[in-house]
Amino acid sequence: MSFRSFALLTALLSASTSTQADDFVPLFKGDGLGDFELVKVAPETLSYKDGEIRMTGTSNGYFATKQSYKSYTMKFDFMYERPEGLTDDSKFPGNSGFLFNIETPHAVWPKCIEFQLMNREVGKIYPMKGAKFDGTWDEAAYKKAIKPVGQWNTMEVTSKDGTVACSLNGTQVATGKSPVPDHGPFGWQSEGAPMRFKNLLVKTLD
């Protein structure tokens, strides 16, 4: 299937669900941490404040949903804390990732598929530990969509009928098909940079 066909599919999925925004369910409640499994992440390196999950990045691991997902639209906001004195965003080494279709039991790193959150290549596709995914990353679209370090970005991922599409701030940056594994929990990496997440929302499409 061509990149244009994937784009059309994503547009159709968005149009069919956009009128039901209240169908999105928040993934965390209360203190924002008890709803997740912490995988090789020290509890003291995560905190919850003002509706945000904040990570120091000093642990290499991830926090993951306890529920598994296969057909869904998932969206969340993320932001790297801007280092003092940063003058060139292209050289910022901030690293993280959105993991999906995680095969349990959890491990660092698990068999899954990753949409990169590293600031230099947000949305780039990485099948991990033997996972498979026939996908394409649009680097030019990413460069147009990414916001400066220290500002909030929104990632949205739609998975349905064996196809997956990823957008950044409303611009599609990656598409793919035939993921293996084809379902599993979501995870967000802690990997060397202070960052924040908020508005983690999911809508099931089954």
Protein backbone atom coordinates (compact mmCIF):
# COMPACT_ATOMS: atom_id res chain seq x y z
CA MET A 1 0.00 0.00 0.00
CA SER A 2 1.39 3.42 -0.95
CA PHE A 3 2.13 6.26 1.46
CA ARG A 4 -0.74 8.21 -0.15
CA SER A 5 -3.13 5.32 0.46
CA PHE A 6 -2.12 5.21 4.10
CA ALA A 7 -2.72 8.95 4.34
CA LEU A 8 -6.20 8.52 2.89
CA LEU A 9 -6.98 5.72 5.32
CA THR A 10 -5.88 7.83 8.25
CA ALA A 11 -7.97 10.77 7.07
CA LEU A 12 -11.03 8.52 6.80
CA LEU A 13 -10.46 7.11 10.27
CA SER A 14 -10.07 10.59 11.71
CA ALA A 15 -13.22 11.82 9.99
CA SER A 16 -15.25 8.86 11.24
CA THR A 17 -14.29 9.42 14.86
CA SER A 18 -13.76 13.17 15.16
CA THR A 19 -17.36 13.81 16.14
CA GLN A 20 -16.99 11.49 19.13
CA ALA A 21 -14.13 13.20 20.96
CA ASP A 22 -15.63 12.29 24.32
CA ASP A 23 -15.01 8.61 23.46
CA PHE A 24 -11.35 9.18 24.35
CA VAL A 25 -10.47 7.77 27.75
CA PRO A 26 -7.60 9.11 29.89
CA LEU A 27 -4.90 6.57 30.62
CA PHE A 28 -4.06 7.89 34.05
CA LYS A 29 -6.03 9.08 37.00
CA GLY A 30 -5.27 10.00 40.59
CA ASP A 31 -1.52 10.48 41.03
CA GLY A 32 -0.87 9.53 37.39
CA LEU A 33 1.55 6.71 38.21
CA GLY A 34 -0.47 3.94 39.84
CA ASP A 35 -2.19 3.15 36.55
CA PHE A 36 1.10 2.08 34.95
CA GLU A 37 3.74 -0.59 35.28
CA LEU A 38 7.24 0.77 35.82
CA VAL A 39 9.80 -1.28 33.91
CA LYS A 40 13.37 -0.70 35.10
CA VAL A 41 12.45 2.87 36.03
CA ALA A 42 13.22 3.92 39.60
CA PRO A 43 10.06 5.42 41.16
CA GLU A 44 11.99 8.44 42.40
CA THR A 45 12.83 9.38 38.79
CA LEU A 46 9.14 9.89 37.93
CA SER A 47 6.69 12.35 39.42
CA TYR A 48 3.20 13.64 38.81
CA LYS A 49 2.44 17.36 39.03
CA ASP A 50 -0.16 19.66 37.49
CA GLY A 51 -1.56 16.86 35.31
CA GLU A 52 1.88 15.93 33.95
CA ILE A 53 4.06 12.85 34.28
CA ARG A 54 7.62 14.09 34.59
CA MET A 55 10.73 11.97 34.06
CA THR A 56 14.29 12.85 34.99
CA GLY A 57 15.57 10.45 32.32
CA THR A 58 18.19 8.98 34.65
CA SER A 59 16.74 5.45 34.40
CA ASN A 60 16.76 3.47 31.15
CA GLY A 61 13.32 1.89 31.09
CA TYR A 62 9.69 2.77 30.46
CA PHE A 63 6.29 3.11 32.04
CA ALA A 64 3.60 0.97 30.42
CA THR A 65 -0.15 0.56 30.37
CA LYS A 66 -1.55 -2.48 32.16
CA GLN A 67 -4.05 -2.99 29.34
CA SER A 68 -3.31 -4.35 25.86
CA TYR A 69 -4.55 -2.58 22.70
CA LYS A 70 -4.90 -3.59 19.05
CA SER A 71 -7.40 -1.27 17.31
CA TYR A 72 -7.31 2.30 18.58
CA THR A 73 -6.45 5.95 18.24
CA MET A 74 -3.91 7.00 20.87
CA LYS A 75 -2.75 10.55 21.46
CA PHE A 76 -0.52 12.31 23.97
CA ASP A 77 1.49 15.47 24.49
CA PHE A 78 5.23 15.42 25.21
CA MET A 79 7.87 18.05 25.87
CA TYR A 80 11.59 18.03 26.58
CA GLU A 81 12.74 20.48 29.20
CA ARG A 82 14.92 22.98 27.36
CA PRO A 83 18.51 23.05 28.67
CA GLU A 84 19.90 26.43 29.59
CA GLY A 85 22.14 27.75 26.83
CA LEU A 86 20.78 25.56 24.04
CA THR A 87 21.18 27.50 20.79
CA ASP A 88 20.74 24.79 18.15
CA ASP A 89 17.76 22.44 18.52
CA SER A 90 19.20 20.07 15.89
CA LYS A 91 22.01 19.24 18.31
CA PHE A 92 19.74 18.59 21.28
CA PRO A 93 20.30 14.93 22.32
CA GLY A 94 16.92 14.41 24.03
CA ASN A 95 15.82 10.79 23.66
CA SER A 96 12.67 8.80 24.37
CA GLY A 97 10.16 6.71 22.45
CA PHE A 98 6.55 5.60 22.23
CA LEU A 99 6.44 1.81 22.35
CA PHE A 100 3.39 -0.09 21.12
CA ASN A 101 2.42 -3.73 20.61
CA ILE A 102 4.72 -4.65 23.49
CA GLU A 103 5.14 -8.39 23.93
CA THR A 104 5.09 -9.32 27.61
CA PRO A 105 6.69 -10.17 29.96
CA HIS A 106 8.20 -6.72 30.08
CA ALA A 107 11.95 -6.27 29.67
CA VAL A 108 14.47 -3.61 28.71
CA TRP A 109 14.15 -3.51 25.88
CA PRO A 110 11.00 -5.46 24.91
CA LYS A 111 9.88 -6.97 21.64
CA CYS A 112 7.68 -4.18 20.28
CA ILE A 113 7.50 -1.40 17.71
CA GLU A 114 8.70 2.10 18.52
CA PHE A 115 7.78 5.47 17.11
CA GLN A 116 10.85 7.45 18.03
CA LEU A 117 10.52 10.47 20.31
CA MET A 118 14.20 11.40 20.04
CA ASN A 119 14.03 15.07 19.21
CA ARG A 120 16.08 14.68 16.02
CA GLU A 121 13.78 12.05 14.47
CA VAL A 122 10.33 12.05 16.04
CA GLY A 123 8.10 9.42 14.44
CA LYS A 124 10.89 7.32 12.93
CA ILE A 125 10.05 3.61 13.07
CA TYR A 126 12.07 1.04 15.01
CA PRO A 127 10.92 -2.60 15.25
CA MET A 128 12.70 -3.92 18.36
CA LYS A 129 13.93 -7.37 19.44
CA GLY A 130 12.63 -9.25 16.42
CA ALA A 131 9.40 -7.29 15.89
CA LYS A 132 8.38 -6.59 12.28
CA PHE A 133 6.76 -3.58 10.68
CA ASP A 134 6.63 -2.56 7.01
CA GLY A 135 6.68 1.21 7.43
CA THR A 136 7.82 4.55 6.05
CA TRP A 137 8.97 7.69 7.90
CA ASP A 138 8.59 11.11 6.23
CA GLU A 139 11.58 13.10 7.45
CA ALA A 140 10.55 16.28 5.61
CA ALA A 141 7.11 16.20 7.26
CA TYR A 142 8.73 15.70 10.68
CA LYS A 143 11.01 18.71 10.17
CA LYS A 144 8.04 20.91 9.32
CA ALA A 145 5.92 19.66 12.22
CA ILE A 146 8.35 19.55 15.15
CA LYS A 147 8.21 22.42 17.64
CA PRO A 148 11.20 24.01 19.38
CA VAL A 149 12.67 22.18 22.37
CA GLY A 150 10.78 23.30 25.45
CA GLN A 151 7.38 23.45 23.73
CA TRP A 152 4.63 20.83 23.79
CA ASN A 153 4.20 18.45 20.85
CA THR A 154 1.24 16.15 20.19
CA MET A 155 1.66 12.64 18.79
CA GLU A 156 -1.36 10.69 17.54
CA VAL A 157 -1.23 7.04 16.49
CA THR A 158 -4.08 5.15 14.79
CA SER A 159 -4.00 1.36 14.43
CA LYS A 160 -6.77 -0.48 12.60
CA ASP A 161 -7.07 -3.53 10.34
CA GLY A 162 -3.32 -4.12 10.23
CA THR A 163 -2.32 -0.55 9.33
CA VAL A 164 -0.76 2.06 11.60
CA ALA A 165 -0.36 5.80 11.04
CA CYS A 166 1.48 8.34 13.19
CA SER A 167 1.05 12.12 13.15
CA LEU A 168 3.01 14.89 14.86
CA ASN A 169 1.15 18.11 15.63
CA GLY A 170 -1.50 17.20 13.06
CA THR A 171 0.97 16.26 10.30
CA GLN A 172 1.34 12.64 9.28
CA VAL A 173 4.97 11.58 9.64
CA ALA A 174 4.89 7.76 9.47
CA THR A 175 2.75 4.89 8.21
CA GLY A 176 3.05 1.14 8.20
CA LYS A 177 1.30 -2.19 7.89
CA SER A 178 1.39 -5.78 9.14
CA PRO A 179 2.91 -5.19 12.57
CA VAL A 180 4.28 -8.19 14.46
CA PRO A 181 3.34 -8.36 17.32
CA ASP A 182 -0.06 -6.95 16.33
CA HIS A 183 -1.26 -5.95 19.82
CA GLY A 184 0.02 -5.20 23.30
CA PRO A 185 0.46 -2.50 25.94
CA PHE A 186 1.77 1.01 25.27
CA GLY A 187 5.00 2.29 26.82
CA TRP A 188 6.90 5.57 27.09
CA GLN A 189 10.67 5.50 27.44
CA SER A 190 12.90 7.10 30.02
CA GLU A 191 16.22 7.36 28.22
CA GLY A 192 18.59 10.11 29.20
CA ALA A 193 16.68 13.41 29.11
CA PRO A 194 14.23 15.21 31.41
CA MET A 195 10.83 15.32 29.76
CA ARG A 196 7.11 15.55 30.44
CA PHE A 197 3.93 13.85 29.24
CA LYS A 198 0.31 14.88 29.57
CA ASN A 199 -3.14 14.26 28.03
CA LEU A 200 -2.57 10.54 27.44
CA LEU A 201 -5.83 9.54 25.78
CA VAL A 202 -7.03 6.43 23.93
CA LYS A 203 -10.11 5.59 21.90
CA THR A 204 -10.73 1.94 20.98
CA LEU A 205 -11.96 1.35 17.43
CA ASP A 206 -13.24 -2.23 17.70
